[in-house]
Amino acid sequence: MKAVITVTGRDNIGIIARVSTECAKYGANILDISQSVMRDYFAMIMLADIDALSIPFSEFVDNLSALGRGQGLDIHTMHEEIFNTMHRI
């Protein structure tokens, strides 16, 4: 199973490191990452393998959201299947 993680907010040092560390902490393996900085704004999309999560997916989602709130970022995490269904024509 995979998850799509989006991160947006004002750019600052260490965003990728903090999000990656949080993923690794719970056993999520980052498969792909795309990030961009537009003026002062940061945007990132990550695809993570969540088969080996050490906590329930809902807790993982909540923990990433809390990390974002603490850093002034919006972090949204959803199952790849839901993401694909939402974007299917």
PDB file of N, CA and C in Angstrom:
ATOM      1  N   MET A   1       0.852  -1.171   0.000  1.00  0.00           N
ATOM      2  CA  MET A   1       0.000   0.000   0.000  1.00  0.00           C
ATOM      3  C   MET A   1       0.897   1.233   0.000  1.00  0.00           C
ATOM      4  N   LYS A   2       0.430   2.259  -0.684  1.00  0.00           N
ATOM      5  CA  LYS A   2       1.190   3.504  -0.768  1.00  0.00           C
ATOM      6  C   LYS A   2       0.332   4.666  -0.273  1.00  0.00           C
ATOM      7  N   ALA A   3       1.018   5.735   0.087  1.00  0.00           N
ATOM      8  CA  ALA A   3       0.336   6.959   0.517  1.00  0.00           C
ATOM      9  C   ALA A   3       0.934   8.136  -0.237  1.00  0.00           C
ATOM     10  N   VAL A   4       0.102   9.122  -0.507  1.00  0.00           N
ATOM     11  CA  VAL A   4       0.537  10.380  -1.109  1.00  0.00           C
ATOM     12  C   VAL A   4       0.543  11.423   0.001  1.00  0.00           C
ATOM     13  N   ILE A   5       1.680  12.074   0.175  1.00  0.00           N
ATOM     14  CA  ILE A   5       1.856  13.073   1.231  1.00  0.00           C
ATOM     15  C   ILE A   5       2.149  14.407   0.560  1.00  0.00           C
ATOM     16  N   THR A   6       1.351  15.425   0.866  1.00  0.00           N
ATOM     17  CA  THR A   6       1.599  16.758   0.316  1.00  0.00           C
ATOM     18  C   THR A   6       1.969  17.699   1.455  1.00  0.00           C
ATOM     19  N   VAL A   7       2.913  18.574   1.167  1.00  0.00           N
ATOM     20  CA  VAL A   7       3.388  19.537   2.163  1.00  0.00           C
ATOM     21  C   VAL A   7       3.439  20.904   1.491  1.00  0.00           C
ATOM     22  N   THR A   8       2.784  21.886   2.091  1.00  0.00           N
ATOM     23  CA  THR A   8       2.816  23.252   1.558  1.00  0.00           C
ATOM     24  C   THR A   8       2.996  24.236   2.707  1.00  0.00           C
ATOM     25  N   GLY A   9       3.600  25.369   2.387  1.00  0.00           N
ATOM     26  CA  GLY A   9       3.771  26.417   3.388  1.00  0.00           C
ATOM     27  C   GLY A   9       4.927  27.316   3.032  1.00  0.00           C
ATOM     28  N   ARG A  10       5.264  28.204   3.950  1.00  0.00           N
ATOM     29  CA  ARG A  10       6.409  29.084   3.747  1.00  0.00           C
ATOM     30  C   ARG A  10       7.687  28.262   3.792  1.00  0.00           C
ATOM     31  N   ASP A  11       8.598  28.570   2.898  1.00  0.00           N
ATOM     32  CA  ASP A  11       9.864  27.841   2.837  1.00  0.00           C
ATOM     33  C   ASP A  11      10.719  28.146   4.062  1.00  0.00           C
ATOM     34  N   ASN A  12      11.342  27.105   4.593  1.00  0.00           N
ATOM     35  CA  ASN A  12      12.349  27.268   5.636  1.00  0.00           C
ATOM     36  C   ASN A  12      13.281  26.066   5.607  1.00  0.00           C
ATOM     37  N   ILE A  13      14.389  26.186   6.244  1.00  0.00           N
ATOM     38  CA  ILE A  13      15.408  25.137   6.231  1.00  0.00           C
ATOM     39  C   ILE A  13      14.915  23.889   6.947  1.00  0.00           C
ATOM     40  N   GLY A  14      15.113  22.729   6.318  1.00  0.00           N
ATOM     41  CA  GLY A  14      14.876  21.456   6.981  1.00  0.00           C
ATOM     42  C   GLY A  14      13.508  20.823   6.811  1.00  0.00           C
ATOM     43  N   ILE A  15      12.663  21.367   5.956  1.00  0.00           N
ATOM     44  CA  ILE A  15      11.320  20.800   5.794  1.00  0.00           C
ATOM     45  C   ILE A  15      11.408  19.346   5.329  1.00  0.00           C
ATOM     46  N   ILE A  16      12.169  19.093   4.282  1.00  0.00           N
ATOM     47  CA  ILE A  16      12.271  17.735   3.754  1.00  0.00           C
ATOM     48  C   ILE A  16      12.847  16.808   4.820  1.00  0.00           C
ATOM     49  N   ALA A  17      13.853  17.260   5.535  1.00  0.00           N
ATOM     50  CA  ALA A  17      14.473  16.442   6.585  1.00  0.00           C
ATOM     51  C   ALA A  17      13.477  16.094   7.683  1.00  0.00           C
ATOM     52  N   ARG A  18      12.684  17.068   8.122  1.00  0.00           N
ATOM     53  CA  ARG A  18      11.728  16.810   9.216  1.00  0.00           C
ATOM     54  C   ARG A  18      10.638  15.832   8.781  1.00  0.00           C
ATOM     55  N   VAL A  19      10.097  16.030   7.591  1.00  0.00           N
ATOM     56  CA  VAL A  19       9.033  15.140   7.114  1.00  0.00           C
ATOM     57  C   VAL A  19       9.593  13.738   6.854  1.00  0.00           C
ATOM     58  N   SER A  20      10.762  13.666   6.256  1.00  0.00           N
ATOM     59  CA  SER A  20      11.394  12.367   5.997  1.00  0.00           C
ATOM     60  C   SER A  20      11.698  11.625   7.300  1.00  0.00           C
ATOM     61  N   THR A  21      12.184  12.336   8.288  1.00  0.00           N
ATOM     62  CA  THR A  21      12.483  11.728   9.592  1.00  0.00           C
ATOM     63  C   THR A  21      11.215  11.184  10.235  1.00  0.00           C
ATOM     64  N   GLU A  22      10.133  11.928  10.145  1.00  0.00           N
ATOM     65  CA  GLU A  22       8.851  11.473  10.720  1.00  0.00           C
ATOM     66  C   GLU A  22       8.362  10.221   9.996  1.00  0.00           C
ATOM     67  N   CYS A  23       8.507  10.185   8.683  1.00  0.00           N
ATOM     68  CA  CYS A  23       8.126   8.995   7.922  1.00  0.00           C
ATOM     69  C   CYS A  23       8.962   7.791   8.354  1.00  0.00           C
ATOM     70  N   ALA A  24      10.265   7.966   8.421  1.00  0.00           N
ATOM     71  CA  ALA A  24      11.159   6.869   8.804  1.00  0.00           C
ATOM     72  C   ALA A  24      10.881   6.387  10.221  1.00  0.00           C
ATOM     73  N   LYS A  25      10.540   7.287  11.096  1.00  0.00           N
ATOM     74  CA  LYS A  25      10.242   6.953  12.498  1.00  0.00           C
ATOM     75  C   LYS A  25       9.150   5.895  12.607  1.00  0.00           C
ATOM     76  N   TYR A  26       8.203   5.921  11.681  1.00  0.00           N
ATOM     77  CA  TYR A  26       7.060   4.996  11.725  1.00  0.00           C
ATOM     78  C   TYR A  26       7.125   3.907  10.650  1.00  0.00           C
ATOM     79  N   GLY A  27       8.232   3.824   9.931  1.00  0.00           N
ATOM     80  CA  GLY A  27       8.420   2.746   8.966  1.00  0.00           C
ATOM     81  C   GLY A  27       7.911   3.019   7.565  1.00  0.00           C
ATOM     82  N   ALA A  28       7.581   4.266   7.251  1.00  0.00           N
ATOM     83  CA  ALA A  28       7.159   4.611   5.887  1.00  0.00           C
ATOM     84  C   ALA A  28       8.402   4.840   5.038  1.00  0.00           C
ATOM     85  N   ASN A  29       8.464   4.191   3.888  1.00  0.00           N
ATOM     86  CA  ASN A  29       9.610   4.305   2.989  1.00  0.00           C
ATOM     87  C   ASN A  29       9.268   5.248   1.845  1.00  0.00           C
ATOM     88  N   ILE A  30      10.013   6.317   1.700  1.00  0.00           N
ATOM     89  CA  ILE A  30       9.764   7.291   0.638  1.00  0.00           C
ATOM     90  C   ILE A  30      10.249   6.715  -0.685  1.00  0.00           C
ATOM     91  N   LEU A  31       9.323   6.598  -1.631  1.00  0.00           N
ATOM     92  CA  LEU A  31       9.622   6.035  -2.945  1.00  0.00           C
ATOM     93  C   LEU A  31       9.946   7.097  -3.976  1.00  0.00           C
ATOM     94  N   ASP A  32       9.278   8.229  -3.867  1.00  0.00           N
ATOM     95  CA  ASP A  32       9.467   9.307  -4.845  1.00  0.00           C
ATOM     96  C   ASP A  32       9.148  10.625  -4.154  1.00  0.00           C
ATOM     97  N   ILE A  33       9.809  11.665  -4.610  1.00  0.00           N
ATOM     98  CA  ILE A  33       9.599  12.981  -4.014  1.00  0.00           C
ATOM     99  C   ILE A  33       9.778  14.047  -5.093  1.00  0.00           C
ATOM    100  N   SER A  34       8.903  15.034  -5.042  1.00  0.00           N
ATOM    101  CA  SER A  34       9.018  16.190  -5.918  1.00  0.00           C
ATOM    102  C   SER A  34       8.782  17.422  -5.063  1.00  0.00           C
ATOM    103  N   GLN A  35       9.679  18.382  -5.170  1.00  0.00           N
ATOM    104  CA  GLN A  35       9.502  19.595  -4.375  1.00  0.00           C
ATOM    105  C   GLN A  35       9.863  20.804  -5.200  1.00  0.00           C
ATOM    106  N   SER A  36       9.262  21.913  -4.830  1.00  0.00           N
ATOM    107  CA  SER A  36       9.495  23.155  -5.548  1.00  0.00           C
ATOM    108  C   SER A  36       9.389  24.319  -4.577  1.00  0.00           C
ATOM    109  N   VAL A  37      10.175  25.338  -4.825  1.00  0.00           N
ATOM    110  CA  VAL A  37      10.078  26.573  -4.059  1.00  0.00           C
ATOM    111  C   VAL A  37       9.717  27.671  -5.046  1.00  0.00           C
ATOM    112  N   MET A  38       8.597  28.323  -4.786  1.00  0.00           N
ATOM    113  CA  MET A  38       8.134  29.427  -5.621  1.00  0.00           C
ATOM    114  C   MET A  38       8.155  30.687  -4.764  1.00  0.00           C
ATOM    115  N   ARG A  39       9.149  31.512  -5.016  1.00  0.00           N
ATOM    116  CA  ARG A  39       9.415  32.678  -4.176  1.00  0.00           C
ATOM    117  C   ARG A  39       9.617  32.201  -2.745  1.00  0.00           C
ATOM    118  N   ASP A  40       8.748  32.537  -1.825  1.00  0.00           N
ATOM    119  CA  ASP A  40       8.913  32.131  -0.421  1.00  0.00           C
ATOM    120  C   ASP A  40       8.068  30.922  -0.056  1.00  0.00           C
ATOM    121  N   TYR A  41       7.440  30.283  -1.043  1.00  0.00           N
ATOM    122  CA  TYR A  41       6.507  29.196  -0.742  1.00  0.00           C
ATOM    123  C   TYR A  41       7.066  27.844  -1.172  1.00  0.00           C
ATOM    124  N   PHE A  42       6.886  26.877  -0.301  1.00  0.00           N
ATOM    125  CA  PHE A  42       7.397  25.527  -0.499  1.00  0.00           C
ATOM    126  C   PHE A  42       6.237  24.595  -0.820  1.00  0.00           C
ATOM    127  N   ALA A  43       6.422  23.702  -1.781  1.00  0.00           N
ATOM    128  CA  ALA A  43       5.416  22.689  -2.115  1.00  0.00           C
ATOM    129  C   ALA A  43       6.139  21.372  -2.379  1.00  0.00           C
ATOM    130  N   MET A  44       5.614  20.293  -1.813  1.00  0.00           N
ATOM    131  CA  MET A  44       6.238  18.987  -1.982  1.00  0.00           C
ATOM    132  C   MET A  44       5.158  17.912  -2.058  1.00  0.00           C
ATOM    133  N   ILE A  45       5.395  16.936  -2.919  1.00  0.00           N
ATOM    134  CA  ILE A  45       4.556  15.744  -2.990  1.00  0.00           C
ATOM    135  C   ILE A  45       5.482  14.543  -2.831  1.00  0.00           C
ATOM    136  N   MET A  46       5.107  13.650  -1.930  1.00  0.00           N
ATOM    137  CA  MET A  46       5.888  12.436  -1.700  1.00  0.00           C
ATOM    138  C   MET A  46       4.992  11.224  -1.918  1.00  0.00           C
ATOM    139  N   LEU A  47       5.576  10.164  -2.452  1.00  0.00           N
ATOM    140  CA  LEU A  47       4.905   8.868  -2.533  1.00  0.00           C
ATOM    141  C   LEU A  47       5.658   7.956  -1.578  1.00  0.00           C
ATOM    142  N   ALA A  48       4.943   7.367  -0.624  1.00  0.00           N
ATOM    143  CA  ALA A  48       5.589   6.535   0.393  1.00  0.00           C
ATOM    144  C   ALA A  48       4.945   5.161   0.452  1.00  0.00           C
ATOM    145  N   ASP A  49       5.768   4.149   0.617  1.00  0.00           N
ATOM    146  CA  ASP A  49       5.303   2.783   0.856  1.00  0.00           C
ATOM    147  C   ASP A  49       4.976   2.698   2.343  1.00  0.00           C
ATOM    148  N   ILE A  50       3.739   2.343   2.662  1.00  0.00           N
ATOM    149  CA  ILE A  50       3.315   2.313   4.070  1.00  0.00           C
ATOM    150  C   ILE A  50       3.000   0.898   4.549  1.00  0.00           C
ATOM    151  N   ASP A  51       3.462  -0.126   3.812  1.00  0.00           N
ATOM    152  CA  ASP A  51       3.214  -1.510   4.217  1.00  0.00           C
ATOM    153  C   ASP A  51       3.820  -1.844   5.576  1.00  0.00           C
ATOM    154  N   ALA A  52       4.926  -1.208   5.929  1.00  0.00           N
ATOM    155  CA  ALA A  52       5.626  -1.544   7.175  1.00  0.00           C
ATOM    156  C   ALA A  52       5.372  -0.530   8.295  1.00  0.00           C
ATOM    157  N   LEU A  53       4.287   0.232   8.207  1.00  0.00           N
ATOM    158  CA  LEU A  53       4.009   1.209   9.269  1.00  0.00           C
ATOM    159  C   LEU A  53       3.933   0.510  10.618  1.00  0.00           C
ATOM    160  N   SER A  54       4.532   1.135  11.628  1.00  0.00           N
ATOM    161  CA  SER A  54       4.527   0.573  12.981  1.00  0.00           C
ATOM    162  C   SER A  54       3.344   1.058  13.804  1.00  0.00           C
ATOM    163  N   ILE A  55       2.550   1.957  13.235  1.00  0.00           N
ATOM    164  CA  ILE A  55       1.350   2.481  13.902  1.00  0.00           C
ATOM    165  C   ILE A  55       0.204   2.437  12.891  1.00  0.00           C
ATOM    166  N   PRO A  56      -1.039   2.537  13.367  1.00  0.00           N
ATOM    167  CA  PRO A  56      -2.159   2.585  12.421  1.00  0.00           C
ATOM    168  C   PRO A  56      -2.044   3.795  11.479  1.00  0.00           C
ATOM    169  N   PHE A  57      -2.539   3.612  10.261  1.00  0.00           N
ATOM    170  CA  PHE A  57      -2.449   4.670   9.253  1.00  0.00           C
ATOM    171  C   PHE A  57      -3.061   5.972   9.762  1.00  0.00           C
ATOM    172  N   SER A  58      -4.191   5.898  10.462  1.00  0.00           N
ATOM    173  CA  SER A  58      -4.850   7.118  10.956  1.00  0.00           C
ATOM    174  C   SER A  58      -3.948   7.878  11.927  1.00  0.00           C
ATOM    175  N   GLU A  59      -3.185   7.179  12.740  1.00  0.00           N
ATOM    176  CA  GLU A  59      -2.231   7.841  13.646  1.00  0.00           C
ATOM    177  C   GLU A  59      -1.096   8.488  12.855  1.00  0.00           C
ATOM    178  N   PHE A  60      -0.634   7.786  11.828  1.00  0.00           N
ATOM    179  CA  PHE A  60       0.420   8.321  10.966  1.00  0.00           C
ATOM    180  C   PHE A  60      -0.040   9.637  10.345  1.00  0.00           C
ATOM    181  N   VAL A  61      -1.257   9.649   9.832  1.00  0.00           N
ATOM    182  CA  VAL A  61      -1.842  10.862   9.238  1.00  0.00           C
ATOM    183  C   VAL A  61      -1.883  11.986  10.269  1.00  0.00           C
ATOM    184  N   ASP A  62      -2.373  11.662  11.470  1.00  0.00           N
ATOM    185  CA  ASP A  62      -2.484  12.670  12.531  1.00  0.00           C
ATOM    186  C   ASP A  62      -1.109  13.194  12.958  1.00  0.00           C
ATOM    187  N   ASN A  63      -0.126  12.302  13.054  1.00  0.00           N
ATOM    188  CA  ASN A  63       1.217  12.721  13.469  1.00  0.00           C
ATOM    189  C   ASN A  63       1.871  13.638  12.437  1.00  0.00           C
ATOM    190  N   LEU A  64       1.693  13.326  11.157  1.00  0.00           N
ATOM    191  CA  LEU A  64       2.242  14.206  10.125  1.00  0.00           C
ATOM    192  C   LEU A  64       1.530  15.561  10.133  1.00  0.00           C
ATOM    193  N   SER A  65       0.220  15.550  10.319  1.00  0.00           N
ATOM    194  CA  SER A  65      -0.525  16.813  10.388  1.00  0.00           C
ATOM    195  C   SER A  65      -0.048  17.662  11.562  1.00  0.00           C
ATOM    196  N   ALA A  66       0.166  17.012  12.715  1.00  0.00           N
ATOM    197  CA  ALA A  66       0.645  17.728  13.904  1.00  0.00           C
ATOM    198  C   ALA A  66       2.043  18.298  13.668  1.00  0.00           C
ATOM    199  N   LEU A  67       2.904  17.535  13.014  1.00  0.00           N
ATOM    200  CA  LEU A  67       4.237  18.030  12.671  1.00  0.00           C
ATOM    201  C   LEU A  67       4.104  19.294  11.833  1.00  0.00           C
ATOM    202  N   GLY A  68       3.234  19.253  10.851  1.00  0.00           N
ATOM    203  CA  GLY A  68       3.022  20.417   9.992  1.00  0.00           C
ATOM    204  C   GLY A  68       2.536  21.623  10.763  1.00  0.00           C
ATOM    205  N   ARG A  69       1.540  21.412  11.614  1.00  0.00           N
ATOM    206  CA  ARG A  69       1.013  22.536  12.405  1.00  0.00           C
ATOM    207  C   ARG A  69       2.115  23.169  13.250  1.00  0.00           C
ATOM    208  N   GLY A  70       2.977  22.340  13.821  1.00  0.00           N
ATOM    209  CA  GLY A  70       4.069  22.846  14.648  1.00  0.00           C
ATOM    210  C   GLY A  70       5.106  23.622  13.866  1.00  0.00           C
ATOM    211  N   GLN A  71       5.154  23.411  12.559  1.00  0.00           N
ATOM    212  CA  GLN A  71       6.141  24.074  11.697  1.00  0.00           C
ATOM    213  C   GLN A  71       5.515  25.140  10.799  1.00  0.00           C
ATOM    214  N   GLY A  72       4.211  25.376  10.950  1.00  0.00           N
ATOM    215  CA  GLY A  72       3.532  26.348  10.090  1.00  0.00           C
ATOM    216  C   GLY A  72       3.313  25.832   8.680  1.00  0.00           C
ATOM    217  N   LEU A  73       3.169  24.499   8.543  1.00  0.00           N
ATOM    218  CA  LEU A  73       2.976  23.867   7.239  1.00  0.00           C
ATOM    219  C   LEU A  73       1.649  23.131   7.216  1.00  0.00           C
ATOM    220  N   ASP A  74       1.133  22.913   6.019  1.00  0.00           N
ATOM    221  CA  ASP A  74      -0.025  22.045   5.840  1.00  0.00           C
ATOM    222  C   ASP A  74       0.490  20.727   5.286  1.00  0.00           C
ATOM    223  N   ILE A  75       0.282  19.638   6.048  1.00  0.00           N
ATOM    224  CA  ILE A  75       0.689  18.310   5.595  1.00  0.00           C
ATOM    225  C   ILE A  75      -0.554  17.448   5.526  1.00  0.00           C
ATOM    226  N   HIS A  76      -0.832  16.942   4.316  1.00  0.00           N
ATOM    227  CA  HIS A  76      -1.994  16.077   4.091  1.00  0.00           C
ATOM    228  C   HIS A  76      -1.491  14.730   3.595  1.00  0.00           C
ATOM    229  N   THR A  77      -2.060  13.672   4.147  1.00  0.00           N
ATOM    230  CA  THR A  77      -1.651  12.312   3.794  1.00  0.00           C
ATOM    231  C   THR A  77      -2.891  11.508   3.441  1.00  0.00           C
ATOM    232  N   MET A  78      -2.851  10.803   2.312  1.00  0.00           N
ATOM    233  CA  MET A  78      -3.990   9.946   1.946  1.00  0.00           C
ATOM    234  C   MET A  78      -3.488   8.688   1.250  1.00  0.00           C
ATOM    235  N   HIS A  79      -4.296   7.630   1.375  1.00  0.00           N
ATOM    236  CA  HIS A  79      -3.982   6.394   0.661  1.00  0.00           C
ATOM    237  C   HIS A  79      -3.912   6.682  -0.828  1.00  0.00           C
ATOM    238  N   GLU A  80      -3.007   6.039  -1.506  1.00  0.00           N
ATOM    239  CA  GLU A  80      -2.859   6.212  -2.950  1.00  0.00           C
ATOM    240  C   GLU A  80      -4.161   5.868  -3.673  1.00  0.00           C
ATOM    241  N   GLU A  81      -4.868   4.847  -3.210  1.00  0.00           N
ATOM    242  CA  GLU A  81      -6.124   4.445  -3.857  1.00  0.00           C
ATOM    243  C   GLU A  81      -7.157   5.563  -3.809  1.00  0.00           C
ATOM    244  N   ILE A  82      -7.251   6.237  -2.681  1.00  0.00           N
ATOM    245  CA  ILE A  82      -8.192   7.356  -2.553  1.00  0.00           C
ATOM    246  C   ILE A  82      -7.757   8.498  -3.460  1.00  0.00           C
ATOM    247  N   PHE A  83      -6.462   8.787  -3.467  1.00  0.00           N
ATOM    248  CA  PHE A  83      -5.927   9.843  -4.333  1.00  0.00           C
ATOM    249  C   PHE A  83      -6.261   9.543  -5.787  1.00  0.00           C
ATOM    250  N   ASN A  84      -6.004   8.305  -6.217  1.00  0.00           N
ATOM    251  CA  ASN A  84      -6.273   7.930  -7.609  1.00  0.00           C
ATOM    252  C   ASN A  84      -7.755   8.010  -7.934  1.00  0.00           C
ATOM    253  N   THR A  85      -8.601   7.570  -7.016  1.00  0.00           N
ATOM    254  CA  THR A  85     -10.033   7.624  -7.242  1.00  0.00           C
ATOM    255  C   THR A  85     -10.528   9.061  -7.367  1.00  0.00           C
ATOM    256  N   MET A  86      -9.992   9.950  -6.537  1.00  0.00           N
ATOM    257  CA  MET A  86     -10.393  11.349  -6.576  1.00  0.00           C
ATOM    258  C   MET A  86      -9.999  12.023  -7.882  1.00  0.00           C
ATOM    259  N   HIS A  87      -8.928  11.551  -8.509  1.00  0.00           N
ATOM    260  CA  HIS A  87      -8.418  12.210  -9.707  1.00  0.00           C
ATOM    261  C   HIS A  87      -8.675  11.436 -10.997  1.00  0.00           C
ATOM    262  N   ARG A  88      -9.519  10.445 -10.902  1.00  0.00           N
ATOM    263  CA  ARG A  88      -9.875   9.659 -12.090  1.00  0.00           C
ATOM    264  C   ARG A  88     -10.988  10.383 -12.822  1.00  0.00           C
ATOM    265  N   ILE A  89     -10.882  10.444 -14.120  1.00  0.00           N
ATOM    266  CA  ILE A  89     -11.895  11.138 -14.937  1.00  0.00           C
ATOM    267  C   ILE A  89     -13.081  10.218 -15.150  1.00  0.00           C
TER     268      ILE A  89
END
